C-alpha atoms as a PDB file:
ATOM      1  CA  MET A   1     -21.879  -8.069  -2.220  1.00  0.00           C
ATOM      2  CA  ALA A   2     -19.616 -10.580  -3.873  1.00  0.00           C
ATOM      3  CA  GLN A   3     -17.205  -9.417  -6.510  1.00  0.00           C
ATOM      4  CA  VAL A   4     -17.851 -10.749  -9.996  1.00  0.00           C
ATOM      5  CA  SER A   5     -14.805 -10.906 -12.239  1.00  0.00           C
ATOM      6  CA  ILE A   6     -14.746 -11.261 -16.006  1.00  0.00           C
ATOM      7  CA  VAL A   7     -11.393 -12.658 -17.067  1.00  0.00           C
ATOM      8  CA  THR A   8     -10.560 -12.147 -20.700  1.00  0.00           C
ATOM      9  CA  SER A   9      -6.941 -13.339 -20.670  1.00  0.00           C
ATOM     10  CA  GLN A  10      -3.992 -13.793 -18.364  1.00  0.00           C
ATOM     11  CA  VAL A  11      -0.478 -12.597 -19.172  1.00  0.00           C
ATOM     12  CA  ALA A  12       2.520 -13.105 -16.842  1.00  0.00           C
ATOM     13  CA  GLY A  13       0.227 -13.846 -13.921  1.00  0.00           C
ATOM     14  CA  GLU A  14      -1.839 -10.679 -14.400  1.00  0.00           C
ATOM     15  CA  ILE A  15      -5.540 -10.787 -15.163  1.00  0.00           C
ATOM     16  CA  ARG A  16      -6.260  -8.643 -18.231  1.00  0.00           C
ATOM     17  CA  ASN A  17      -9.755  -7.205 -18.300  1.00  0.00           C
ATOM     18  CA  ASP A  18     -10.381  -3.775 -19.728  1.00  0.00           C
ATOM     19  CA  ASP A  19     -13.468  -3.376 -17.529  1.00  0.00           C
ATOM     20  CA  ALA A  20     -11.673  -4.196 -14.276  1.00  0.00           C
ATOM     21  CA  MET A  21     -10.574  -1.567 -11.771  1.00  0.00           C
ATOM     22  CA  ARG A  22      -6.816  -1.927 -11.381  1.00  0.00           C
ATOM     23  CA  PHE A  23      -5.196  -1.548  -7.946  1.00  0.00           C
ATOM     24  CA  THR A  24      -1.464  -1.292  -7.212  1.00  0.00           C
ATOM     25  CA  PHE A  25      -0.057  -1.691  -3.692  1.00  0.00           C
ATOM     26  CA  VAL A  26       3.042   0.436  -3.055  1.00  0.00           C
ATOM     27  CA  GLY A  27       5.163   0.129   0.064  1.00  0.00           C
ATOM     28  CA  ASP A  28       8.218  -0.925   2.005  1.00  0.00           C
ATOM     29  CA  SER A  29       8.927  -4.004   4.110  1.00  0.00           C
ATOM     30  CA  MET A  30       5.520  -3.788   5.793  1.00  0.00           C
ATOM     31  CA  THR A  31       3.892  -4.168   2.377  1.00  0.00           C
ATOM     32  CA  ILE A  32       6.115  -6.675   0.623  1.00  0.00           C
ATOM     33  CA  GLY A  33       6.169  -8.962   3.678  1.00  0.00           C
ATOM     34  CA  CYS A  34       8.460 -11.872   4.565  1.00  0.00           C
ATOM     35  CA  ALA A  35       8.281 -15.531   3.630  1.00  0.00           C
ATOM     36  CA  GLY A  36       5.357 -17.059   5.502  1.00  0.00           C
ATOM     37  CA  ASP A  37       3.447 -13.784   5.927  1.00  0.00           C
ATOM     38  CA  PHE A  38      -0.140 -13.308   4.819  1.00  0.00           C
ATOM     39  CA  THR A  39       0.471  -9.540   4.221  1.00  0.00           C
ATOM     40  CA  TRP A  40      -2.066  -6.735   4.401  1.00  0.00           C
ATOM     41  CA  ARG A  41      -2.248  -7.059   0.619  1.00  0.00           C
ATOM     42  CA  TYR A  42      -3.904 -10.439   1.096  1.00  0.00           C
ATOM     43  CA  ARG A  43      -6.391  -8.941   3.554  1.00  0.00           C
ATOM     44  CA  MET A  44      -7.213  -6.198   1.031  1.00  0.00           C
ATOM     45  CA  TRP A  45      -7.712  -8.743  -1.750  1.00  0.00           C
ATOM     46  CA  GLN A  46     -10.184 -10.570   0.512  1.00  0.00           C
ATOM     47  CA  HIS A  47     -11.978  -7.312   1.250  1.00  0.00           C
ATOM     48  CA  LEU A  48     -12.244  -6.240  -2.380  1.00  0.00           C
ATOM     49  CA  THR A  49     -13.440  -9.689  -3.405  1.00  0.00           C
ATOM     50  CA  SER A  50     -16.270  -9.621  -0.872  1.00  0.00           C
ATOM     51  CA  THR A  51     -17.358  -5.966  -1.117  1.00  0.00           C
ATOM     52  CA  LEU A  52     -16.376  -4.203  -4.335  1.00  0.00           C
ATOM     53  CA  GLY A  53     -19.255  -5.532  -6.417  1.00  0.00           C
ATOM     54  CA  ALA A  54     -17.418  -4.944  -9.710  1.00  0.00           C
ATOM     55  CA  PRO A  55     -14.568  -6.528 -11.634  1.00  0.00           C
ATOM     56  CA  PHE A  56     -11.120  -5.671 -10.305  1.00  0.00           C
ATOM     57  CA  THR A  57      -7.555  -6.824 -10.578  1.00  0.00           C
ATOM     58  CA  ILE A  58      -4.336  -6.166  -8.684  1.00  0.00           C
ATOM     59  CA  VAL A  59      -1.328  -5.166 -10.759  1.00  0.00           C
ATOM     60  CA  GLY A  60       2.352  -4.413 -10.315  1.00  0.00           C
ATOM     61  CA  PRO A  61       5.833  -5.432 -11.420  1.00  0.00           C
ATOM     62  CA  HIS A  62       6.639  -7.800  -8.525  1.00  0.00           C
ATOM     63  CA  SER A  63       4.988 -10.718  -6.752  1.00  0.00           C
ATOM     64  CA  ALA A  64       7.556 -12.163  -4.354  1.00  0.00           C
ATOM     65  CA  LEU A  65       7.998 -11.867  -0.611  1.00  0.00           C
ATOM     66  CA  TYR A  66      11.286 -10.952   1.020  1.00  0.00           C
ATOM     67  CA  ASP A  67      13.388 -13.929   2.131  1.00  0.00           C
ATOM     68  CA  THR A  68      15.482 -12.928   5.155  1.00  0.00           C
ATOM     69  CA  ALA A  69      17.789 -15.943   4.716  1.00  0.00           C
ATOM     70  CA  ALA A  70      18.541 -15.014   1.107  1.00  0.00           C
ATOM     71  CA  GLY A  71      18.517 -11.270   1.780  1.00  0.00           C
ATOM     72  CA  ALA A  72      16.413 -10.761  -1.331  1.00  0.00           C
ATOM     73  CA  PRO A  73      12.767 -10.739  -2.516  1.00  0.00           C
ATOM     74  CA  VAL A  74      12.743 -14.287  -3.874  1.00  0.00           C
ATOM     75  CA  SER A  75      10.136 -16.146  -1.804  1.00  0.00           C
ATOM     76  CA  HIS A  76       6.647 -17.125  -2.948  1.00  0.00           C
ATOM     77  CA  GLU A  77       5.770 -18.903   0.309  1.00  0.00           C
ATOM     78  CA  TYR A  78       2.713 -16.887   1.269  1.00  0.00           C
ATOM     79  CA  GLY A  79       0.893 -17.867   4.427  1.00  0.00           C
ATOM     80  CA  ALA A  80      -2.404 -18.074   2.544  1.00  0.00           C
ATOM     81  CA  PRO A  81      -2.612 -20.799  -0.112  1.00  0.00           C
ATOM     82  CA  ASP A  82      -5.841 -19.278  -1.480  1.00  0.00           C
ATOM     83  CA  PHE A  83      -4.072 -16.010  -2.418  1.00  0.00           C
ATOM     84  CA  PRO A  84      -4.097 -16.238  -6.242  1.00  0.00           C
ATOM     85  CA  ALA A  85      -0.933 -15.493  -8.206  1.00  0.00           C
ATOM     86  CA  TRP A  86      -2.442 -12.543 -10.065  1.00  0.00           C
ATOM     87  CA  ALA A  87      -3.454 -10.858  -6.788  1.00  0.00           C
ATOM     88  CA  ARG A  88       0.051 -11.136  -5.277  1.00  0.00           C
ATOM     89  CA  THR A  89       1.490  -8.465  -7.561  1.00  0.00           C
ATOM     90  CA  HIS A  90       2.793  -5.227  -6.036  1.00  0.00           C
ATOM     91  CA  LEU A  91       5.309  -2.396  -6.158  1.00  0.00           C
ATOM     92  CA  ALA A  92       6.997  -2.839  -2.777  1.00  0.00           C
ATOM     93  CA  GLY A  93      10.568  -3.273  -1.652  1.00  0.00           C
ATOM     94  CA  TRP A  94      12.354  -4.150   1.558  1.00  0.00           C
ATOM     95  CA  GLY A  95      14.214  -1.030   2.694  1.00  0.00           C
ATOM     96  CA  GLU A  96      12.587   1.238   0.111  1.00  0.00           C
ATOM     97  CA  GLY A  97      10.617   4.454   0.525  1.00  0.00           C
ATOM     98  CA  TRP A  98       9.234   7.531  -1.230  1.00  0.00           C
ATOM     99  CA  LEU A  99      12.804   8.229  -2.361  1.00  0.00           C
ATOM    100  CA  HIS A 100      12.883   4.985  -4.317  1.00  0.00           C
ATOM    101  CA  MET A 101       9.295   4.865  -5.536  1.00  0.00           C
ATOM    102  CA  ALA A 102       8.923   8.405  -6.891  1.00  0.00           C
ATOM    103  CA  PRO A 103      11.252   7.733  -9.865  1.00  0.00           C
ATOM    104  CA  VAL A 104       9.515   4.479 -10.863  1.00  0.00           C
ATOM    105  CA  ILE A 105       5.837   5.126 -10.207  1.00  0.00           C
ATOM    106  CA  ALA A 106       5.086   6.677 -13.608  1.00  0.00           C
ATOM    107  CA  GLY A 107       6.457   3.636 -15.402  1.00  0.00           C
ATOM    108  CA  THR A 108       4.466   1.314 -13.173  1.00  0.00           C
ATOM    109  CA  VAL A 109       1.206   3.197 -13.648  1.00  0.00           C
ATOM    110  CA  THR A 110       1.751   3.337 -17.402  1.00  0.00           C
ATOM    111  CA  GLY A 111       2.846  -0.268 -17.758  1.00  0.00           C
ATOM    112  CA  HIS A 112       0.070  -1.725 -15.639  1.00  0.00           C
ATOM    113  CA  ARG A 113      -2.660   0.830 -16.352  1.00  0.00           C
ATOM    114  CA  THR A 114      -3.219   1.449 -12.647  1.00  0.00           C
ATOM    115  CA  ASP A 115      -6.452   3.122 -11.553  1.00  0.00           C
ATOM    116  CA  VAL A 116      -5.922   3.155  -7.775  1.00  0.00           C
ATOM    117  CA  LEU A 117      -2.670   3.381  -5.790  1.00  0.00           C
ATOM    118  CA  LEU A 118      -2.648   2.238  -2.161  1.00  0.00           C
ATOM    119  CA  VAL A 119       0.586   3.589  -0.690  1.00  0.00           C
ATOM    120  CA  SER A 120       2.301   2.929   2.639  1.00  0.00           C
ATOM    121  CA  LEU A 121       5.729   4.600   2.743  1.00  0.00           C
ATOM    122  CA  GLY A 122       7.836   6.919   4.875  1.00  0.00           C
ATOM    123  CA  LEU A 123       9.289   4.954   7.762  1.00  0.00           C
ATOM    124  CA  ILE A 124      12.322   3.811   5.782  1.00  0.00           C
ATOM    125  CA  ASP A 125      12.941   7.282   4.359  1.00  0.00           C
ATOM    126  CA  LEU A 126      12.976   8.900   7.789  1.00  0.00           C
ATOM    127  CA  GLY A 127      14.964   6.089   9.340  1.00  0.00           C
ATOM    128  CA  PHE A 128      17.770   5.890   6.795  1.00  0.00           C
ATOM    129  CA  TYR A 129      17.651   8.384   3.939  1.00  0.00           C
ATOM    130  CA  THR A 130      15.878  11.743   4.277  1.00  0.00           C
ATOM    131  CA  ASP A 131      14.467  14.147   6.849  1.00  0.00           C
ATOM    132  CA  SER A 132      10.761  14.970   7.080  1.00  0.00           C
ATOM    133  CA  ASP A 133      10.959  17.952   4.705  1.00  0.00           C
ATOM    134  CA  GLN A 134      12.728  16.058   1.936  1.00  0.00           C
ATOM    135  CA  THR A 135      10.518  13.015   2.434  1.00  0.00           C
ATOM    136  CA  ALA A 136       7.438  15.206   1.987  1.00  0.00           C
ATOM    137  CA  LEU A 137       8.925  16.647  -1.210  1.00  0.00           C
ATOM    138  CA  ASN A 138       9.499  13.110  -2.481  1.00  0.00           C
ATOM    139  CA  ALA A 139       5.869  12.236  -1.705  1.00  0.00           C
ATOM    140  CA  ARG A 140       4.751  15.249  -3.728  1.00  0.00           C
ATOM    141  CA  ALA A 141       7.027  14.189  -6.586  1.00  0.00           C
ATOM    142  CA  PHE A 142       5.460  10.705  -6.443  1.00  0.00           C
ATOM    143  CA  ILE A 143       1.952  12.133  -6.775  1.00  0.00           C
ATOM    144  CA  THR A 144       2.968  14.342  -9.687  1.00  0.00           C
ATOM    145  CA  ALA A 145       4.724  11.485 -11.469  1.00  0.00           C
ATOM    146  CA  ALA A 146       1.760   9.130 -11.049  1.00  0.00           C
ATOM    147  CA  ARG A 147      -0.478  11.726 -12.656  1.00  0.00           C
ATOM    148  CA  THR A 148       1.799  12.117 -15.648  1.00  0.00           C
ATOM    149  CA  ALA A 149       1.070   8.456 -16.369  1.00  0.00           C
ATOM    150  CA  ASN A 150      -2.657   8.574 -15.598  1.00  0.00           C
ATOM    151  CA  PRO A 151      -4.293  11.989 -15.065  1.00  0.00           C
ATOM    152  CA  HIS A 152      -7.251  10.238 -13.418  1.00  0.00           C
ATOM    153  CA  VAL A 153      -5.382   7.955 -11.027  1.00  0.00           C
ATOM    154  CA  LYS A 154      -6.757   7.756  -7.491  1.00  0.00           C
ATOM    155  CA  MET A 155      -4.415   7.528  -4.498  1.00  0.00           C
ATOM    156  CA  VAL A 156      -4.758   6.608  -0.843  1.00  0.00           C
ATOM    157  CA  LEU A 157      -1.709   7.431   1.281  1.00  0.00           C
ATOM    158  CA  MET A 158      -0.966   5.959   4.697  1.00  0.00           C
ATOM    159  CA  PRO A 159       0.854   8.115   7.258  1.00  0.00           C
ATOM    160  CA  VAL A 160       3.792   6.652   9.137  1.00  0.00           C
ATOM    161  CA  ILE A 161       2.302   4.338  11.756  1.00  0.00           C
ATOM    162  CA  PRO A 162       3.642   3.506  15.252  1.00  0.00           C
ATOM    163  CA  ASN A 163       6.909   1.584  15.284  1.00  0.00           C
ATOM    164  CA  ILE A 164       9.515   0.388  17.773  1.00  0.00           C
ATOM    165  CA  ARG A 165      12.166   2.974  16.921  1.00  0.00           C
ATOM    166  CA  ALA A 166       9.796   5.872  17.537  1.00  0.00           C
ATOM    167  CA  GLU A 167       9.028   4.433  20.962  1.00  0.00           C
ATOM    168  CA  SER A 168      12.651   4.765  22.095  1.00  0.00           C
ATOM    169  CA  ASP A 169      14.104   7.498  19.841  1.00  0.00           C
ATOM    170  CA  ALA A 170      12.453  10.856  20.589  1.00  0.00           C
ATOM    171  CA  PRO A 171      14.032  12.805  17.693  1.00  0.00           C
ATOM    172  CA  PHE A 172      12.963  10.101  15.242  1.00  0.00           C
ATOM    173  CA  ALA A 173       9.438  10.104  16.688  1.00  0.00           C
ATOM    174  CA  ALA A 174       9.320  13.876  16.207  1.00  0.00           C
ATOM    175  CA  GLU A 175      10.379  13.482  12.575  1.00  0.00           C
ATOM    176  CA  CYS A 176       7.618  10.909  12.037  1.00  0.00           C
ATOM    177  CA  ASP A 177       5.047  13.290  13.513  1.00  0.00           C
ATOM    178  CA  ARG A 178       6.323  16.208  11.446  1.00  0.00           C
ATOM    179  CA  PHE A 179       6.291  14.145   8.255  1.00  0.00           C
ATOM    180  CA  ASN A 180       2.718  13.079   8.918  1.00  0.00           C
ATOM    181  CA  GLU A 181       1.750  16.748   9.237  1.00  0.00           C
ATOM    182  CA  LEU A 182       3.544  17.572   5.980  1.00  0.00           C
ATOM    183  CA  LEU A 183       1.930  14.606   4.238  1.00  0.00           C
ATOM    184  CA  ALA A 184      -1.511  15.797   5.323  1.00  0.00           C
ATOM    185  CA  LYS A 185      -0.685  19.246   3.924  1.00  0.00           C
ATOM    186  CA  ALA A 186       0.489  17.705   0.650  1.00  0.00           C
ATOM    187  CA  VAL A 187      -2.775  15.787   0.343  1.00  0.00           C
ATOM    188  CA  ALA A 188      -4.773  18.952   1.027  1.00  0.00           C
ATOM    189  CA  ASP A 189      -2.731  20.904  -1.521  1.00  0.00           C
ATOM    190  CA  LEU A 190      -2.705  18.296  -4.272  1.00  0.00           C
ATOM    191  CA  ASP A 191      -6.146  16.695  -4.021  1.00  0.00           C
ATOM    192  CA  ASP A 192      -7.970  17.127  -7.312  1.00  0.00           C
ATOM    193  CA  PRO A 193     -11.429  15.977  -8.410  1.00  0.00           C
ATOM    194  CA  MET A 194      -9.878  14.499 -11.571  1.00  0.00           C
ATOM    195  CA  SER A 195      -7.253  12.615  -9.557  1.00  0.00           C
ATOM    196  CA  PRO A 196      -8.292  12.449  -5.914  1.00  0.00           C
ATOM    197  CA  VAL A 197      -5.795  11.870  -3.115  1.00  0.00           C
ATOM    198  CA  LEU A 198      -6.872  10.596   0.294  1.00  0.00           C
ATOM    199  CA  LEU A 199      -4.973  10.429   3.556  1.00  0.00           C
ATOM    200  CA  ALA A 200      -5.903   7.212   5.349  1.00  0.00           C
ATOM    201  CA  SER A 201      -6.323   7.409   9.103  1.00  0.00           C
ATOM    202  CA  ARG A 202      -3.653   5.833  11.261  1.00  0.00           C
ATOM    203  CA  PRO A 203      -5.227   2.547  12.397  1.00  0.00           C
ATOM    204  CA  PRO A 204      -7.005   3.324  15.687  1.00  0.00           C
ATOM    205  CA  GLY A 205      -5.586   1.525  18.689  1.00  0.00           C
ATOM    206  CA  TYR A 206      -2.633   0.153  16.709  1.00  0.00           C
ATOM    207  CA  ASP A 207      -0.320  -1.449  19.294  1.00  0.00           C
ATOM    208  CA  ILE A 208       3.192  -2.394  18.226  1.00  0.00           C
ATOM    209  CA  HIS A 209       3.332  -4.965  21.018  1.00  0.00           C
ATOM    210  CA  GLU A 210       0.146  -6.704  19.851  1.00  0.00           C
ATOM    211  CA  ASP A 211      -0.185  -5.910  16.153  1.00  0.00           C
ATOM    212  CA  THR A 212       3.408  -6.536  15.007  1.00  0.00           C
ATOM    213  CA  TYR A 213       5.827  -9.426  15.429  1.00  0.00           C
ATOM    214  CA  ASP A 214       8.921  -7.279  15.939  1.00  0.00           C
ATOM    215  CA  GLY A 215       7.715  -3.795  16.784  1.00  0.00           C
ATOM    216  CA  THR A 216       7.458  -2.740  13.139  1.00  0.00           C
ATOM    217  CA  HIS A 217       6.208  -5.449  10.776  1.00  0.00           C
ATOM    218  CA  PRO A 218       2.523  -6.333  11.085  1.00  0.00           C
ATOM    219  CA  GLY A 219       1.275  -9.664  12.285  1.00  0.00           C
ATOM    220  CA  PRO A 220      -2.261 -10.839  11.459  1.00  0.00           C
ATOM    221  CA  THR A 221      -4.059  -8.196  13.531  1.00  0.00           C
ATOM    222  CA  GLY A 222      -1.774  -5.496  12.172  1.00  0.00           C
ATOM    223  CA  GLU A 223      -2.410  -6.655   8.618  1.00  0.00           C
ATOM    224  CA  HIS A 224      -6.138  -6.314   9.188  1.00  0.00           C
ATOM    225  CA  ALA A 225      -5.623  -2.866  10.723  1.00  0.00           C
ATOM    226  CA  LEU A 226      -3.676  -1.600   7.712  1.00  0.00           C
ATOM    227  CA  ALA A 227      -6.074  -3.090   5.168  1.00  0.00           C
ATOM    228  CA  GLY A 228      -8.988  -1.687   7.150  1.00  0.00           C
ATOM    229  CA  ALA A 229      -7.532   1.837   7.110  1.00  0.00           C
ATOM    230  CA  PHE A 230      -7.223   1.764   3.327  1.00  0.00           C
ATOM    231  CA  ALA A 231     -10.608   0.107   2.836  1.00  0.00           C
ATOM    232  CA  ASP A 232     -12.481   2.508   5.091  1.00  0.00           C
ATOM    233  CA  ALA A 233     -10.882   5.544   3.419  1.00  0.00           C
ATOM    234  CA  MET A 234     -11.998   4.359  -0.033  1.00  0.00           C
ATOM    235  CA  HIS A 235     -15.461   3.443   1.160  1.00  0.00           C
ATOM    236  CA  GLN A 236     -16.092   6.690   3.042  1.00  0.00           C
ATOM    237  CA  ALA A 237     -14.693   9.046   0.382  1.00  0.00           C
ATOM    238  CA  TRP A 238     -15.447   7.281  -2.898  1.00  0.00           C
ATOM    239  CA  GLY A 239     -18.065   4.662  -2.071  1.00  0.00           C
ATOM    240  CA  LEU A 240     -15.719   1.862  -3.181  1.00  0.00           C
ATOM    241  CA  GLY A 241     -16.325  -1.438  -1.437  1.00  0.00           C
ATOM    242  CA  GLY A 242     -17.845  -1.496   2.008  1.00  0.00           C
ATOM    243  CA  PRO A 243     -16.776  -1.008   5.602  1.00  0.00           C
ATOM    244  CA  TYR A 244     -13.884  -3.283   6.466  1.00  0.00           C
ATOM    245  CA  THR A 245     -14.744  -6.574   8.143  1.00  0.00           C
ATOM    246  CA  PRO A 246     -11.816  -8.893   8.900  1.00  0.00           C
ATOM    247  CA  HIS A 247     -11.856 -12.296   7.236  1.00  0.00           C
ATOM    248  CA  SER A 248     -10.084 -15.264   8.797  1.00  0.00           C
END
């Protein structure tokens, strides 16, 4: 079913519609993307447009891609020219994780009136900042903070997915596995009918040699895999949208 949107006004690139469901994408380098990327955010926008069957908008404080030449998130050269400016918004940062997002998520949810958070974090934390136990505590703090801003916010959390470092660094791979177990426990502990939390499935058959361009960052097939994991979780648990079908 095609999505029908009622646009009442547009402020700073954001569609303002009090009837629209408001999604915020939260993540690290795999979510913000580099100059020239389509991003899994684009794939999710396509999916919501074609299946949600209700007004929606995508909200967040940022809209740029990371520019590796500049070493900063200053690019707007998305690979898809049909990706509208309002749908490019996000809360994602190159080199950022649960550690960085937990302190700012309440302000984002309040400022943008977020209804649904789609979150892909953890790899950066484990790789550079915190061990699995502390990373899990930061994820719990994130959930709590989001709820202080919106007691009815819905969340879908992605576990750490396969990556090149885990393939060659056994202790790091073990930390990723342990964090994923702790994240699943956090979701089980903190899920609430008023503010449900889902754990998305790791994309089945995800192959870092086929689905990424450098062993970590998703290429087109990887983008579809990530978007599909989020989409299928929402559809199966909440009846939002439909089963994921890749668009070109």
